[in-house]
Amino acid sequence: MTTVLVVDDQALIRQAVTDILSQHDGIEVIGDARNGQEAVDRARELRPDVVLMDIRMPELDGIGATAKICAEPALAGTRVLILTTFEEDEYLLAALRAGASGFIGKGAEPDDIARAVLSVDAGEALLSPVATRALITKYVMPTEPAAGIRAGQGSIVPRALEQLTEREREVLLLVARGRSNQHIADELTISPHTAKTHVNRIMTKLHAHDRAQLVILAYESGLLAPGTP
């Protein structure tokens, strides 16, 4: 059973989302919050699997709340999913950098919202390809375009990725392209368990809370350029 904390400053939206999720087997809404600070407090109390988080709220916004939740050792198993009206907003990118696992629009179909919650709980990054491409193109630029080390076959590896093995860089590139662990396993002819192990090691080495941060890092480091398939 996936447990969910719903966070939004509008009571109507909190109730609507709760009603939507409560209709799906395998999902239980165990609480709600009206602002970011209340979200942090309730997350500490309830330990939900997923926090469905609004961004723009009083007292503490969704970015600050996401950062606090993702930095809390006791909440290492909690994932944050951003529910937003603004799918090409720089605040959304800030929420992903803070540790959010992905985002979905408030105009999404009810079944899509439920699937998003389950996907995030399963450890997948939920990033709308169109919206993510727009965010990356508009707000993310490589931070080390000239800094690198020589790798195999004359390629350049950005310094941020020096600590990764060649195989781990391959896996990171596939994660950045939106591949699931199963797809990574298929493309590299390895087991899904091995693919998951590689992803977890990469997140540990790069201090990433979730796959979404790996996507951003891949673009910022220049490993993957906006528009690259």
C-alpha atoms as a PDB file:
ATOM      1  CA  MET A   1       0.000   0.000   0.000  1.00  0.00           C
ATOM      2  CA  THR A   2       1.394   3.397  -1.015  1.00  0.00           C
ATOM      3  CA  THR A   3       0.703   6.046   1.606  1.00  0.00           C
ATOM      4  CA  VAL A   4       0.309   9.677   0.531  1.00  0.00           C
ATOM      5  CA  LEU A   5       0.385  13.098   2.165  1.00  0.00           C
ATOM      6  CA  VAL A   6      -1.472  15.736   0.099  1.00  0.00           C
ATOM      7  CA  VAL A   7      -0.133  19.293   0.384  1.00  0.00           C
ATOM      8  CA  ASP A   8      -1.868  22.360  -1.057  1.00  0.00           C
ATOM      9  CA  ASP A   9      -2.967  25.700   0.350  1.00  0.00           C
ATOM     10  CA  GLN A  10      -6.395  25.360  -1.278  1.00  0.00           C
ATOM     11  CA  ALA A  11      -8.827  23.137   0.622  1.00  0.00           C
ATOM     12  CA  LEU A  12     -10.785  22.353  -2.546  1.00  0.00           C
ATOM     13  CA  ILE A  13      -7.723  20.952  -4.301  1.00  0.00           C
ATOM     14  CA  ARG A  14      -6.673  18.944  -1.259  1.00  0.00           C
ATOM     15  CA  GLN A  15     -10.106  17.362  -1.087  1.00  0.00           C
ATOM     16  CA  ALA A  16     -10.313  16.726  -4.834  1.00  0.00           C
ATOM     17  CA  VAL A  17      -6.907  15.045  -4.937  1.00  0.00           C
ATOM     18  CA  THR A  18      -7.710  12.998  -1.837  1.00  0.00           C
ATOM     19  CA  ASP A  19     -10.959  11.821  -3.451  1.00  0.00           C
ATOM     20  CA  ILE A  20      -9.133  10.888  -6.664  1.00  0.00           C
ATOM     21  CA  LEU A  21      -6.418   8.880  -4.942  1.00  0.00           C
ATOM     22  CA  SER A  22      -8.781   7.195  -2.486  1.00  0.00           C
ATOM     23  CA  GLN A  23     -10.589   5.529  -5.386  1.00  0.00           C
ATOM     24  CA  HIS A  24      -7.486   3.573  -6.412  1.00  0.00           C
ATOM     25  CA  ASP A  25      -6.479   0.251  -4.905  1.00  0.00           C
ATOM     26  CA  GLY A  26      -2.993   0.336  -3.487  1.00  0.00           C
ATOM     27  CA  ILE A  27      -3.102   4.024  -2.476  1.00  0.00           C
ATOM     28  CA  GLU A  28      -4.055   5.403   0.915  1.00  0.00           C
ATOM     29  CA  VAL A  29      -4.150   9.132   1.723  1.00  0.00           C
ATOM     30  CA  ILE A  30      -3.032   9.341   5.347  1.00  0.00           C
ATOM     31  CA  GLY A  31      -3.092  13.095   5.803  1.00  0.00           C
ATOM     32  CA  ASP A  32      -2.926  16.566   4.305  1.00  0.00           C
ATOM     33  CA  ALA A  33      -1.236  19.911   4.933  1.00  0.00           C
ATOM     34  CA  ARG A  34      -2.004  23.534   4.098  1.00  0.00           C
ATOM     35  CA  ASN A  35       1.520  24.918   3.734  1.00  0.00           C
ATOM     36  CA  GLY A  36       5.122  23.850   3.484  1.00  0.00           C
ATOM     37  CA  GLN A  37       5.987  23.935   7.159  1.00  0.00           C
ATOM     38  CA  GLU A  38       2.910  21.917   8.012  1.00  0.00           C
ATOM     39  CA  ALA A  39       3.927  19.483   5.261  1.00  0.00           C
ATOM     40  CA  VAL A  40       7.337  18.971   6.872  1.00  0.00           C
ATOM     41  CA  ASP A  41       5.784  18.469  10.305  1.00  0.00           C
ATOM     42  CA  ARG A  42       3.162  16.044   9.017  1.00  0.00           C
ATOM     43  CA  ALA A  43       5.747  14.115   6.986  1.00  0.00           C
ATOM     44  CA  ARG A  44       7.858  13.658  10.117  1.00  0.00           C
ATOM     45  CA  GLU A  45       4.798  12.472  12.009  1.00  0.00           C
ATOM     46  CA  LEU A  46       3.224  10.200   9.396  1.00  0.00           C
ATOM     47  CA  ARG A  47       6.245   8.991   7.331  1.00  0.00           C
ATOM     48  CA  PRO A  48       4.306   8.790   4.031  1.00  0.00           C
ATOM     49  CA  ASP A  49       5.701   7.003   0.997  1.00  0.00           C
ATOM     50  CA  VAL A  50       4.844   9.975  -1.236  1.00  0.00           C
ATOM     51  CA  VAL A  51       4.226  13.659  -0.551  1.00  0.00           C
ATOM     52  CA  LEU A  52       2.103  15.230  -3.291  1.00  0.00           C
ATOM     53  CA  MET A  53       3.358  18.813  -3.049  1.00  0.00           C
ATOM     54  CA  ASP A  54       2.155  22.170  -4.336  1.00  0.00           C
ATOM     55  CA  ILE A  55       4.887  24.763  -4.994  1.00  0.00           C
ATOM     56  CA  ARG A  56       3.393  28.164  -4.226  1.00  0.00           C
ATOM     57  CA  MET A  57       2.162  28.248  -0.636  1.00  0.00           C
ATOM     58  CA  PRO A  58       2.363  30.577   2.373  1.00  0.00           C
ATOM     59  CA  GLU A  59       4.785  30.318   5.325  1.00  0.00           C
ATOM     60  CA  LEU A  60       7.089  27.868   3.546  1.00  0.00           C
ATOM     61  CA  ASP A  61       6.736  27.151  -0.159  1.00  0.00           C
ATOM     62  CA  GLY A  62       6.939  23.743  -1.783  1.00  0.00           C
ATOM     63  CA  ILE A  63      10.600  24.175  -2.719  1.00  0.00           C
ATOM     64  CA  GLY A  64      11.665  24.806   0.873  1.00  0.00           C
ATOM     65  CA  ALA A  65       9.441  22.010   2.151  1.00  0.00           C
ATOM     66  CA  THR A  66      10.835  19.586  -0.430  1.00  0.00           C
ATOM     67  CA  ALA A  67      14.403  20.460   0.535  1.00  0.00           C
ATOM     68  CA  LYS A  68      13.680  19.867   4.228  1.00  0.00           C
ATOM     69  CA  ILE A  69      11.905  16.560   3.636  1.00  0.00           C
ATOM     70  CA  CYS A  70      14.589  15.239   1.289  1.00  0.00           C
ATOM     71  CA  ALA A  71      17.357  16.244   3.703  1.00  0.00           C
ATOM     72  CA  GLU A  72      15.737  14.468   6.663  1.00  0.00           C
ATOM     73  CA  PRO A  73      17.496  11.120   7.289  1.00  0.00           C
ATOM     74  CA  ALA A  74      14.360   9.680   8.897  1.00  0.00           C
ATOM     75  CA  LEU A  75      12.431  10.436   5.686  1.00  0.00           C
ATOM     76  CA  ALA A  76      14.886   8.786   3.307  1.00  0.00           C
ATOM     77  CA  GLY A  77      12.098   6.525   2.043  1.00  0.00           C
ATOM     78  CA  THR A  78       9.702   9.403   1.328  1.00  0.00           C
ATOM     79  CA  ARG A  79       9.418  10.697  -2.233  1.00  0.00           C
ATOM     80  CA  VAL A  80       8.106  14.137  -3.206  1.00  0.00           C
ATOM     81  CA  LEU A  81       5.931  14.525  -6.300  1.00  0.00           C
ATOM     82  CA  ILE A  82       5.163  18.086  -7.375  1.00  0.00           C
ATOM     83  CA  LEU A  83       1.573  18.801  -8.403  1.00  0.00           C
ATOM     84  CA  THR A  84       1.708  22.029 -10.354  1.00  0.00           C
ATOM     85  CA  THR A  85      -0.138  24.382 -12.681  1.00  0.00           C
ATOM     86  CA  PHE A  86       3.120  25.717 -14.090  1.00  0.00           C
ATOM     87  CA  GLU A  87       4.914  23.021 -16.076  1.00  0.00           C
ATOM     88  CA  GLU A  88       7.567  25.346 -17.544  1.00  0.00           C
ATOM     89  CA  ASP A  89       8.345  27.356 -14.419  1.00  0.00           C
ATOM     90  CA  GLU A  90      11.830  27.961 -12.998  1.00  0.00           C
ATOM     91  CA  TYR A  91      10.379  27.263  -9.542  1.00  0.00           C
ATOM     92  CA  LEU A  92       9.625  23.753 -10.729  1.00  0.00           C
ATOM     93  CA  LEU A  93      13.256  23.235 -11.668  1.00  0.00           C
ATOM     94  CA  ALA A  94      14.248  24.502  -8.223  1.00  0.00           C
ATOM     95  CA  ALA A  95      11.938  21.908  -6.654  1.00  0.00           C
ATOM     96  CA  LEU A  96      13.589  19.143  -8.679  1.00  0.00           C
ATOM     97  CA  ARG A  97      17.015  20.369  -7.586  1.00  0.00           C
ATOM     98  CA  ALA A  98      15.746  20.347  -3.987  1.00  0.00           C
ATOM     99  CA  GLY A  99      15.047  16.632  -4.278  1.00  0.00           C
ATOM    100  CA  ALA A 100      11.601  16.178  -5.832  1.00  0.00           C
ATOM    101  CA  SER A 101      11.195  12.963  -7.815  1.00  0.00           C
ATOM    102  CA  GLY A 102       9.159  14.566 -10.565  1.00  0.00           C
ATOM    103  CA  PHE A 103       6.096  16.581 -11.360  1.00  0.00           C
ATOM    104  CA  ILE A 104       2.650  16.320 -12.864  1.00  0.00           C
ATOM    105  CA  GLY A 105       0.170  19.008 -13.884  1.00  0.00           C
ATOM    106  CA  LYS A 106      -2.970  19.716 -11.888  1.00  0.00           C
ATOM    107  CA  GLY A 107      -4.906  19.314 -15.127  1.00  0.00           C
ATOM    108  CA  ALA A 108      -3.846  15.685 -15.516  1.00  0.00           C
ATOM    109  CA  GLU A 109      -6.438  12.941 -15.711  1.00  0.00           C
ATOM    110  CA  PRO A 110      -7.286  11.274 -12.365  1.00  0.00           C
ATOM    111  CA  ASP A 111      -5.806   7.933 -13.444  1.00  0.00           C
ATOM    112  CA  ASP A 112      -2.587   9.672 -14.504  1.00  0.00           C
ATOM    113  CA  ILE A 113      -2.202  11.287 -11.091  1.00  0.00           C
ATOM    114  CA  ALA A 114      -2.660   7.907  -9.385  1.00  0.00           C
ATOM    115  CA  ARG A 115      -0.162   6.250 -11.736  1.00  0.00           C
ATOM    116  CA  ALA A 116       2.293   9.073 -11.070  1.00  0.00           C
ATOM    117  CA  VAL A 117       2.101   8.468  -7.325  1.00  0.00           C
ATOM    118  CA  LEU A 118       2.704   4.741  -7.773  1.00  0.00           C
ATOM    119  CA  SER A 119       5.572   5.303 -10.211  1.00  0.00           C
ATOM    120  CA  VAL A 120       7.350   7.676  -7.865  1.00  0.00           C
ATOM    121  CA  ASP A 121       6.878   5.264  -4.968  1.00  0.00           C
ATOM    122  CA  ALA A 122       8.441   2.543  -7.141  1.00  0.00           C
ATOM    123  CA  GLY A 123      11.571   4.657  -7.486  1.00  0.00           C
ATOM    124  CA  GLU A 124      11.080   6.041 -10.978  1.00  0.00           C
ATOM    125  CA  ALA A 125      11.589   9.714 -11.837  1.00  0.00           C
ATOM    126  CA  LEU A 126       8.396  11.206 -13.173  1.00  0.00           C
ATOM    127  CA  LEU A 127       9.337  13.900 -15.647  1.00  0.00           C
ATOM    128  CA  SER A 128       7.018  14.932 -18.461  1.00  0.00           C
ATOM    129  CA  PRO A 129       9.306  14.758 -21.549  1.00  0.00           C
ATOM    130  CA  VAL A 130       7.886  17.890 -23.209  1.00  0.00           C
ATOM    131  CA  ALA A 131       7.863  19.982 -20.039  1.00  0.00           C
ATOM    132  CA  THR A 132      11.279  18.734 -18.970  1.00  0.00           C
ATOM    133  CA  ARG A 133      12.800  19.590 -22.344  1.00  0.00           C
ATOM    134  CA  ALA A 134      11.340  23.099 -22.065  1.00  0.00           C
ATOM    135  CA  LEU A 135      12.739  23.513 -18.544  1.00  0.00           C
ATOM    136  CA  ILE A 136      16.183  22.257 -19.540  1.00  0.00           C
ATOM    137  CA  THR A 137      16.373  24.420 -22.648  1.00  0.00           C
ATOM    138  CA  LYS A 138      15.227  27.553 -20.827  1.00  0.00           C
ATOM    139  CA  TYR A 139      16.955  27.289 -17.455  1.00  0.00           C
ATOM    140  CA  VAL A 140      19.736  24.689 -17.462  1.00  0.00           C
ATOM    141  CA  MET A 141      23.132  25.417 -18.960  1.00  0.00           C
ATOM    142  CA  PRO A 142      26.278  23.291 -18.627  1.00  0.00           C
ATOM    143  CA  THR A 143      28.252  24.542 -15.618  1.00  0.00           C
ATOM    144  CA  GLU A 144      31.580  23.055 -16.723  1.00  0.00           C
ATOM    145  CA  PRO A 145      31.612  23.160 -20.523  1.00  0.00           C
ATOM    146  CA  ALA A 146      35.401  23.243 -20.759  1.00  0.00           C
ATOM    147  CA  ALA A 147      36.408  21.369 -17.633  1.00  0.00           C
ATOM    148  CA  GLY A 148      36.945  17.690 -18.197  1.00  0.00           C
ATOM    149  CA  ILE A 149      39.234  14.725 -18.214  1.00  0.00           C
ATOM    150  CA  ARG A 150      40.153  12.418 -21.044  1.00  0.00           C
ATOM    151  CA  ALA A 151      38.246   9.158 -21.148  1.00  0.00           C
ATOM    152  CA  GLY A 152      38.304   6.230 -23.528  1.00  0.00           C
ATOM    153  CA  GLN A 153      38.341   6.790 -27.298  1.00  0.00           C
ATOM    154  CA  GLY A 154      39.277  10.470 -26.922  1.00  0.00           C
ATOM    155  CA  SER A 155      36.020  11.568 -25.291  1.00  0.00           C
ATOM    156  CA  ILE A 156      35.797  14.273 -22.636  1.00  0.00           C
ATOM    157  CA  VAL A 157      34.205  13.532 -19.260  1.00  0.00           C
ATOM    158  CA  PRO A 158      33.109  16.592 -17.207  1.00  0.00           C
ATOM    159  CA  ARG A 159      34.874  16.887 -13.843  1.00  0.00           C
ATOM    160  CA  ALA A 160      31.622  16.474 -11.943  1.00  0.00           C
ATOM    161  CA  LEU A 161      31.508  12.924 -13.292  1.00  0.00           C
ATOM    162  CA  GLU A 162      35.157  11.955 -12.739  1.00  0.00           C
ATOM    163  CA  GLN A 163      34.290   9.681  -9.842  1.00  0.00           C
ATOM    164  CA  LEU A 164      31.996   7.523 -11.996  1.00  0.00           C
ATOM    165  CA  THR A 165      33.174   4.444 -13.830  1.00  0.00           C
ATOM    166  CA  GLU A 166      32.695   4.230 -17.585  1.00  0.00           C
ATOM    167  CA  ARG A 167      29.736   1.874 -17.069  1.00  0.00           C
ATOM    168  CA  GLU A 168      28.188   4.235 -14.522  1.00  0.00           C
ATOM    169  CA  ARG A 169      28.443   7.106 -17.000  1.00  0.00           C
ATOM    170  CA  GLU A 170      26.647   4.936 -19.552  1.00  0.00           C
ATOM    171  CA  VAL A 171      23.896   4.264 -17.032  1.00  0.00           C
ATOM    172  CA  LEU A 172      23.665   7.960 -16.087  1.00  0.00           C
ATOM    173  CA  LEU A 173      23.212   8.895 -19.731  1.00  0.00           C
ATOM    174  CA  LEU A 174      20.372   6.390 -20.074  1.00  0.00           C
ATOM    175  CA  VAL A 175      18.737   7.659 -16.865  1.00  0.00           C
ATOM    176  CA  ALA A 176      18.949  11.204 -18.252  1.00  0.00           C
ATOM    177  CA  ARG A 177      17.219  10.011 -21.400  1.00  0.00           C
ATOM    178  CA  GLY A 178      14.325   8.727 -19.307  1.00  0.00           C
ATOM    179  CA  ARG A 179      15.067   5.009 -19.419  1.00  0.00           C
ATOM    180  CA  SER A 180      13.690   2.802 -16.642  1.00  0.00           C
ATOM    181  CA  ASN A 181      15.864   0.203 -14.904  1.00  0.00           C
ATOM    182  CA  GLN A 182      14.363  -2.476 -17.137  1.00  0.00           C
ATOM    183  CA  HIS A 183      15.152  -0.497 -20.296  1.00  0.00           C
ATOM    184  CA  ILE A 184      18.688   0.184 -19.037  1.00  0.00           C
ATOM    185  CA  ALA A 185      19.123  -3.533 -18.417  1.00  0.00           C
ATOM    186  CA  ASP A 186      17.897  -4.356 -21.912  1.00  0.00           C
ATOM    187  CA  GLU A 187      20.148  -1.795 -23.626  1.00  0.00           C
ATOM    188  CA  LEU A 188      23.291  -2.764 -21.702  1.00  0.00           C
ATOM    189  CA  THR A 189      22.550  -6.509 -21.557  1.00  0.00           C
ATOM    190  CA  ILE A 190      22.621  -6.640 -17.780  1.00  0.00           C
ATOM    191  CA  SER A 191      20.058  -7.695 -15.192  1.00  0.00           C
ATOM    192  CA  PRO A 192      17.479  -5.192 -13.856  1.00  0.00           C
ATOM    193  CA  HIS A 193      18.992  -5.712 -10.396  1.00  0.00           C
ATOM    194  CA  THR A 194      22.425  -4.735 -11.678  1.00  0.00           C
ATOM    195  CA  ALA A 195      20.943  -1.694 -13.405  1.00  0.00           C
ATOM    196  CA  LYS A 196      19.279  -0.636 -10.154  1.00  0.00           C
ATOM    197  CA  THR A 197      22.554  -1.148  -8.271  1.00  0.00           C
ATOM    198  CA  HIS A 198      24.393   1.081 -10.755  1.00  0.00           C
ATOM    199  CA  VAL A 199      21.745   3.814 -10.409  1.00  0.00           C
ATOM    200  CA  ASN A 200      21.908   3.673  -6.606  1.00  0.00           C
ATOM    201  CA  ARG A 201      25.702   3.904  -6.634  1.00  0.00           C
ATOM    202  CA  ILE A 202      25.586   6.869  -8.996  1.00  0.00           C
ATOM    203  CA  MET A 203      23.111   8.677  -6.740  1.00  0.00           C
ATOM    204  CA  THR A 204      25.353   8.017  -3.736  1.00  0.00           C
ATOM    205  CA  LYS A 205      28.495   9.251  -5.499  1.00  0.00           C
ATOM    206  CA  LEU A 206      26.799  12.381  -6.844  1.00  0.00           C
ATOM    207  CA  HIS A 207      24.795  13.059  -3.661  1.00  0.00           C
ATOM    208  CA  ALA A 208      21.510  12.890  -5.548  1.00  0.00           C
ATOM    209  CA  HIS A 209      18.295  12.176  -3.659  1.00  0.00           C
ATOM    210  CA  ASP A 210      16.496  10.818  -6.693  1.00  0.00           C
ATOM    211  CA  ARG A 211      16.749  10.079 -10.413  1.00  0.00           C
ATOM    212  CA  ALA A 212      15.377  13.520 -11.263  1.00  0.00           C
ATOM    213  CA  GLN A 213      18.538  15.137  -9.892  1.00  0.00           C
ATOM    214  CA  LEU A 214      20.625  12.821 -12.073  1.00  0.00           C
ATOM    215  CA  VAL A 215      18.767  14.082 -15.143  1.00  0.00           C
ATOM    216  CA  ILE A 216      19.525  17.703 -14.256  1.00  0.00           C
ATOM    217  CA  LEU A 217      23.169  16.907 -13.459  1.00  0.00           C
ATOM    218  CA  ALA A 218      23.624  15.172 -16.793  1.00  0.00           C
ATOM    219  CA  TYR A 219      22.508  18.330 -18.595  1.00  0.00           C
ATOM    220  CA  GLU A 220      24.406  20.739 -16.323  1.00  0.00           C
ATOM    221  CA  SER A 221      27.623  18.767 -16.726  1.00  0.00           C
ATOM    222  CA  GLY A 222      27.264  18.751 -20.505  1.00  0.00           C
ATOM    223  CA  LEU A 223      27.030  14.968 -20.651  1.00  0.00           C
ATOM    224  CA  LEU A 224      23.732  15.365 -22.470  1.00  0.00           C
ATOM    225  CA  ALA A 225      22.780  18.404 -24.530  1.00  0.00           C
ATOM    226  CA  PRO A 226      19.208  19.767 -24.777  1.00  0.00           C
ATOM    227  CA  GLY A 227      17.586  18.349 -27.898  1.00  0.00           C
ATOM    228  CA  THR A 228      19.758  15.230 -27.911  1.00  0.00           C
ATOM    229  CA  PRO A 229      17.600  12.098 -28.434  1.00  0.00           C
END
